[in-house]
Amino acid sequence: MGAAVVADLGGRALAVARTVEEAGDREAHADLLRRAAADEFASVPLGLELNDSGDLFERAVE
């Protein structure tokens, strides 16, 4: 899949999660994150980036 695709999926998952947060649908982004996680090697940097983020929302989504 590659790092660029994983980063794109992660970015899309964050956008979806932010959009649906008010609706209370916390699982709307899960499919995108699962697809990103399928590439275990490329998804590690994204996971670390989200984990180290200063944005509390990004850390919660991760």
PDB file of N, CA and C in Angstrom:
ATOM      1  N   MET A   1       0.839  -1.188   0.000  1.00  0.00           N
ATOM      2  CA  MET A   1       0.000   0.000   0.000  1.00  0.00           C
ATOM      3  C   MET A   1       0.881   1.249   0.000  1.00  0.00           C
ATOM      4  N   GLY A   2       1.818   1.343   0.899  1.00  0.00           N
ATOM      5  CA  GLY A   2       2.750   2.450   0.918  1.00  0.00           C
ATOM      6  C   GLY A   2       2.375   3.569   1.872  1.00  0.00           C
ATOM      7  N   ALA A   3       3.391   4.326   2.248  1.00  0.00           N
ATOM      8  CA  ALA A   3       3.230   5.394   3.237  1.00  0.00           C
ATOM      9  C   ALA A   3       2.273   6.490   2.777  1.00  0.00           C
ATOM     10  N   ALA A   4       2.291   6.829   1.503  1.00  0.00           N
ATOM     11  CA  ALA A   4       1.413   7.908   1.010  1.00  0.00           C
ATOM     12  C   ALA A   4      -0.058   7.520   1.125  1.00  0.00           C
ATOM     13  N   VAL A   5      -0.370   6.285   0.792  1.00  0.00           N
ATOM     14  CA  VAL A   5      -1.758   5.821   0.881  1.00  0.00           C
ATOM     15  C   VAL A   5      -2.190   5.755   2.341  1.00  0.00           C
ATOM     16  N   VAL A   6      -1.312   5.249   3.202  1.00  0.00           N
ATOM     17  CA  VAL A   6      -1.614   5.171   4.634  1.00  0.00           C
ATOM     18  C   VAL A   6      -1.855   6.569   5.195  1.00  0.00           C
ATOM     19  N   ALA A   7      -0.998   7.517   4.837  1.00  0.00           N
ATOM     20  CA  ALA A   7      -1.163   8.895   5.318  1.00  0.00           C
ATOM     21  C   ALA A   7      -2.484   9.481   4.820  1.00  0.00           C
ATOM     22  N   ASP A   8      -2.833   9.188   3.567  1.00  0.00           N
ATOM     23  CA  ASP A   8      -4.099   9.674   3.017  1.00  0.00           C
ATOM     24  C   ASP A   8      -5.281   9.079   3.777  1.00  0.00           C
ATOM     25  N   LEU A   9      -5.252   7.780   4.018  1.00  0.00           N
ATOM     26  CA  LEU A   9      -6.336   7.135   4.762  1.00  0.00           C
ATOM     27  C   LEU A   9      -6.437   7.706   6.176  1.00  0.00           C
ATOM     28  N   GLY A  10      -5.290   7.927   6.803  1.00  0.00           N
ATOM     29  CA  GLY A  10      -5.298   8.506   8.149  1.00  0.00           C
ATOM     30  C   GLY A  10      -5.882   9.905   8.163  1.00  0.00           C
ATOM     31  N   GLY A  11      -5.512  10.707   7.183  1.00  0.00           N
ATOM     32  CA  GLY A  11      -6.053  12.058   7.085  1.00  0.00           C
ATOM     33  C   GLY A  11      -7.549  12.053   6.840  1.00  0.00           C
ATOM     34  N   ARG A  12      -7.992  11.146   5.972  1.00  0.00           N
ATOM     35  CA  ARG A  12      -9.426  11.035   5.714  1.00  0.00           C
ATOM     36  C   ARG A  12     -10.176  10.561   6.954  1.00  0.00           C
ATOM     37  N   ALA A  13      -9.579   9.620   7.697  1.00  0.00           N
ATOM     38  CA  ALA A  13     -10.213   9.130   8.923  1.00  0.00           C
ATOM     39  C   ALA A  13     -10.374  10.249   9.934  1.00  0.00           C
ATOM     40  N   LEU A  14      -9.348  11.091  10.080  1.00  0.00           N
ATOM     41  CA  LEU A  14      -9.445  12.226  11.004  1.00  0.00           C
ATOM     42  C   LEU A  14     -10.532  13.193  10.566  1.00  0.00           C
ATOM     43  N   ALA A  15     -10.605  13.457   9.270  1.00  0.00           N
ATOM     44  CA  ALA A  15     -11.629  14.377   8.764  1.00  0.00           C
ATOM     45  C   ALA A  15     -13.032  13.829   9.026  1.00  0.00           C
ATOM     46  N   VAL A  16     -13.212  12.537   8.782  1.00  0.00           N
ATOM     47  CA  VAL A  16     -14.515  11.923   9.033  1.00  0.00           C
ATOM     48  C   VAL A  16     -14.835  11.966  10.523  1.00  0.00           C
ATOM     49  N   ALA A  17     -13.860  11.627  11.347  1.00  0.00           N
ATOM     50  CA  ALA A  17     -14.089  11.606  12.792  1.00  0.00           C
ATOM     51  C   ALA A  17     -14.458  12.986  13.315  1.00  0.00           C
ATOM     52  N   ARG A  18     -13.783  14.012  12.813  1.00  0.00           N
ATOM     53  CA  ARG A  18     -14.119  15.378  13.247  1.00  0.00           C
ATOM     54  C   ARG A  18     -15.532  15.762  12.807  1.00  0.00           C
ATOM     55  N   THR A  19     -15.919  15.331  11.617  1.00  0.00           N
ATOM     56  CA  THR A  19     -17.231  15.673  11.075  1.00  0.00           C
ATOM     57  C   THR A  19     -18.353  15.007  11.860  1.00  0.00           C
ATOM     58  N   VAL A  20     -18.167  13.770  12.243  1.00  0.00           N
ATOM     59  CA  VAL A  20     -19.246  13.026  12.898  1.00  0.00           C
ATOM     60  C   VAL A  20     -19.199  13.091  14.421  1.00  0.00           C
ATOM     61  N   GLU A  21     -18.210  13.739  14.978  1.00  0.00           N
ATOM     62  CA  GLU A  21     -18.088  13.819  16.436  1.00  0.00           C
ATOM     63  C   GLU A  21     -19.366  14.346  17.072  1.00  0.00           C
ATOM     64  N   GLU A  22     -19.940  15.376  16.481  1.00  0.00           N
ATOM     65  CA  GLU A  22     -21.150  15.968  17.040  1.00  0.00           C
ATOM     66  C   GLU A  22     -22.339  15.020  16.929  1.00  0.00           C
ATOM     67  N   ALA A  23     -22.333  14.149  15.940  1.00  0.00           N
ATOM     68  CA  ALA A  23     -23.436  13.213  15.764  1.00  0.00           C
ATOM     69  C   ALA A  23     -23.312  12.010  16.699  1.00  0.00           C
ATOM     70  N   GLY A  24     -22.157  11.874  17.345  1.00  0.00           N
ATOM     71  CA  GLY A  24     -21.952  10.779  18.281  1.00  0.00           C
ATOM     72  C   GLY A  24     -21.586   9.460  17.631  1.00  0.00           C
ATOM     73  N   ASP A  25     -21.254   9.460  16.346  1.00  0.00           N
ATOM     74  CA  ASP A  25     -20.893   8.241  15.629  1.00  0.00           C
ATOM     75  C   ASP A  25     -19.376   8.099  15.636  1.00  0.00           C
ATOM     76  N   ARG A  26     -18.863   7.505  16.684  1.00  0.00           N
ATOM     77  CA  ARG A  26     -17.411   7.396  16.837  1.00  0.00           C
ATOM     78  C   ARG A  26     -16.785   6.319  15.950  1.00  0.00           C
ATOM     79  N   GLU A  27     -17.599   5.473  15.332  1.00  0.00           N
ATOM     80  CA  GLU A  27     -17.064   4.388  14.519  1.00  0.00           C
ATOM     81  C   GLU A  27     -17.014   4.710  13.023  1.00  0.00           C
ATOM     82  N   ALA A  28     -17.444   5.874  12.632  1.00  0.00           N
ATOM     83  CA  ALA A  28     -17.487   6.215  11.207  1.00  0.00           C
ATOM     84  C   ALA A  28     -16.106   6.198  10.565  1.00  0.00           C
ATOM     85  N   HIS A  29     -15.087   6.454  11.328  1.00  0.00           N
ATOM     86  CA  HIS A  29     -13.731   6.509  10.793  1.00  0.00           C
ATOM     87  C   HIS A  29     -13.003   5.165  10.900  1.00  0.00           C
ATOM     88  N   ALA A  30     -13.590   4.203  11.578  1.00  0.00           N
ATOM     89  CA  ALA A  30     -12.900   2.948  11.879  1.00  0.00           C
ATOM     90  C   ALA A  30     -12.485   2.187  10.629  1.00  0.00           C
ATOM     91  N   ASP A  31     -13.319   2.146   9.599  1.00  0.00           N
ATOM     92  CA  ASP A  31     -12.966   1.418   8.384  1.00  0.00           C
ATOM     93  C   ASP A  31     -11.720   1.995   7.731  1.00  0.00           C
ATOM     94  N   LEU A  32     -11.630   3.319   7.691  1.00  0.00           N
ATOM     95  CA  LEU A  32     -10.442   3.951   7.097  1.00  0.00           C
ATOM     96  C   LEU A  32      -9.190   3.621   7.900  1.00  0.00           C
ATOM     97  N   LEU A  33      -9.302   3.647   9.226  1.00  0.00           N
ATOM     98  CA  LEU A  33      -8.138   3.318  10.050  1.00  0.00           C
ATOM     99  C   LEU A  33      -7.749   1.848   9.911  1.00  0.00           C
ATOM    100  N   ARG A  34      -8.733   0.968   9.791  1.00  0.00           N
ATOM    101  CA  ARG A  34      -8.426  -0.457   9.588  1.00  0.00           C
ATOM    102  C   ARG A  34      -7.703  -0.661   8.263  1.00  0.00           C
ATOM    103  N   ARG A  35      -8.155   0.039   7.225  1.00  0.00           N
ATOM    104  CA  ARG A  35      -7.486  -0.079   5.924  1.00  0.00           C
ATOM    105  C   ARG A  35      -6.055   0.430   6.012  1.00  0.00           C
ATOM    106  N   ALA A  36      -5.837   1.526   6.723  1.00  0.00           N
ATOM    107  CA  ALA A  36      -4.481   2.054   6.884  1.00  0.00           C
ATOM    108  C   ALA A  36      -3.618   1.080   7.675  1.00  0.00           C
ATOM    109  N   ALA A  37      -4.174   0.468   8.711  1.00  0.00           N
ATOM    110  CA  ALA A  37      -3.425  -0.446   9.566  1.00  0.00           C
ATOM    111  C   ALA A  37      -3.069  -1.747   8.855  1.00  0.00           C
ATOM    112  N   ALA A  38      -3.754  -2.051   7.758  1.00  0.00           N
ATOM    113  CA  ALA A  38      -3.463  -3.278   7.021  1.00  0.00           C
ATOM    114  C   ALA A  38      -2.017  -3.293   6.517  1.00  0.00           C
ATOM    115  N   ASP A  39      -1.470  -2.127   6.246  1.00  0.00           N
ATOM    116  CA  ASP A  39      -0.059  -2.033   5.858  1.00  0.00           C
ATOM    117  C   ASP A  39       0.724  -1.738   7.132  1.00  0.00           C
ATOM    118  N   GLU A  40       1.081  -2.796   7.831  1.00  0.00           N
ATOM    119  CA  GLU A  40       1.676  -2.658   9.156  1.00  0.00           C
ATOM    120  C   GLU A  40       2.937  -1.802   9.155  1.00  0.00           C
ATOM    121  N   PHE A  41       3.791  -1.985   8.166  1.00  0.00           N
ATOM    122  CA  PHE A  41       5.050  -1.238   8.134  1.00  0.00           C
ATOM    123  C   PHE A  41       4.817   0.251   7.907  1.00  0.00           C
ATOM    124  N   ALA A  42       3.957   0.586   6.952  1.00  0.00           N
ATOM    125  CA  ALA A  42       3.727   1.993   6.615  1.00  0.00           C
ATOM    126  C   ALA A  42       2.842   2.703   7.634  1.00  0.00           C
ATOM    127  N   SER A  43       2.042   1.956   8.392  1.00  0.00           N
ATOM    128  CA  SER A  43       1.126   2.601   9.336  1.00  0.00           C
ATOM    129  C   SER A  43       1.793   2.991  10.646  1.00  0.00           C
ATOM    130  N   VAL A  44       2.957   2.443  10.954  1.00  0.00           N
ATOM    131  CA  VAL A  44       3.648   2.779  12.207  1.00  0.00           C
ATOM    132  C   VAL A  44       3.950   4.272  12.310  1.00  0.00           C
ATOM    133  N   PRO A  45       4.529   4.914  11.281  1.00  0.00           N
ATOM    134  CA  PRO A  45       4.793   6.349  11.397  1.00  0.00           C
ATOM    135  C   PRO A  45       3.520   7.179  11.622  1.00  0.00           C
ATOM    136  N   LEU A  46       2.420   6.790  10.975  1.00  0.00           N
ATOM    137  CA  LEU A  46       1.165   7.511  11.181  1.00  0.00           C
ATOM    138  C   LEU A  46       0.694   7.347  12.621  1.00  0.00           C
ATOM    139  N   GLY A  47       0.743   6.137  13.141  1.00  0.00           N
ATOM    140  CA  GLY A  47       0.340   5.899  14.521  1.00  0.00           C
ATOM    141  C   GLY A  47       1.181   6.686  15.502  1.00  0.00           C
ATOM    142  N   LEU A  48       2.485   6.730  15.263  1.00  0.00           N
ATOM    143  CA  LEU A  48       3.370   7.507  16.141  1.00  0.00           C
ATOM    144  C   LEU A  48       3.073   8.998  16.049  1.00  0.00           C
ATOM    145  N   GLU A  49       2.802   9.466  14.837  1.00  0.00           N
ATOM    146  CA  GLU A  49       2.481  10.888  14.650  1.00  0.00           C
ATOM    147  C   GLU A  49       1.203  11.259  15.399  1.00  0.00           C
ATOM    148  N   LEU A  50       0.184  10.416  15.288  1.00  0.00           N
ATOM    149  CA  LEU A  50      -1.068  10.692  15.994  1.00  0.00           C
ATOM    150  C   LEU A  50      -0.869  10.610  17.503  1.00  0.00           C
ATOM    151  N   ASN A  51      -0.105   9.633  17.946  1.00  0.00           N
ATOM    152  CA  ASN A  51       0.143   9.457  19.371  1.00  0.00           C
ATOM    153  C   ASN A  51       0.898  10.639  19.967  1.00  0.00           C
ATOM    154  N   ASP A  52       1.801  11.222  19.202  1.00  0.00           N
ATOM    155  CA  ASP A  52       2.604  12.347  19.680  1.00  0.00           C
ATOM    156  C   ASP A  52       1.963  13.705  19.413  1.00  0.00           C
ATOM    157  N   SER A  53       0.812  13.721  18.783  1.00  0.00           N
ATOM    158  CA  SER A  53       0.166  14.972  18.411  1.00  0.00           C
ATOM    159  C   SER A  53      -0.201  15.801  19.640  1.00  0.00           C
ATOM    160  N   GLY A  54      -0.083  17.100  19.505  1.00  0.00           N
ATOM    161  CA  GLY A  54      -0.530  18.013  20.549  1.00  0.00           C
ATOM    162  C   GLY A  54      -2.040  18.206  20.533  1.00  0.00           C
ATOM    163  N   ASP A  55      -2.691  17.695  19.499  1.00  0.00           N
ATOM    164  CA  ASP A  55      -4.138  17.804  19.349  1.00  0.00           C
ATOM    165  C   ASP A  55      -4.788  16.632  20.089  1.00  0.00           C
ATOM    166  N   LEU A  56      -5.510  16.927  21.148  1.00  0.00           N
ATOM    167  CA  LEU A  56      -6.140  15.884  21.945  1.00  0.00           C
ATOM    168  C   LEU A  56      -7.100  15.027  21.118  1.00  0.00           C
ATOM    169  N   PHE A  57      -7.760  15.644  20.150  1.00  0.00           N
ATOM    170  CA  PHE A  57      -8.687  14.899  19.296  1.00  0.00           C
ATOM    171  C   PHE A  57      -7.935  13.850  18.478  1.00  0.00           C
ATOM    172  N   GLU A  58      -6.785  14.214  17.913  1.00  0.00           N
ATOM    173  CA  GLU A  58      -6.013  13.275  17.122  1.00  0.00           C
ATOM    174  C   GLU A  58      -5.534  12.111  17.982  1.00  0.00           C
ATOM    175  N   ARG A  59      -5.113  12.382  19.186  1.00  0.00           N
ATOM    176  CA  ARG A  59      -4.685  11.298  20.070  1.00  0.00           C
ATOM    177  C   ARG A  59      -5.853  10.384  20.434  1.00  0.00           C
ATOM    178  N   ALA A  60      -7.030  10.944  20.586  1.00  0.00           N
ATOM    179  CA  ALA A  60      -8.208  10.133  20.939  1.00  0.00           C
ATOM    180  C   ALA A  60      -8.642   9.248  19.786  1.00  0.00           C
ATOM    181  N   VAL A  61      -8.515   9.750  18.551  1.00  0.00           N
ATOM    182  CA  VAL A  61      -8.921   8.976  17.380  1.00  0.00           C
ATOM    183  C   VAL A  61      -7.967   7.811  17.171  1.00  0.00           C
ATOM    184  N   GLU A  62      -6.714   8.056  17.392  1.00  0.00           N
ATOM    185  CA  GLU A  62      -5.684   7.058  17.195  1.00  0.00           C
ATOM    186  C   GLU A  62      -5.959   5.921  18.142  1.00  0.00           C
TER     187      GLU A  62
END
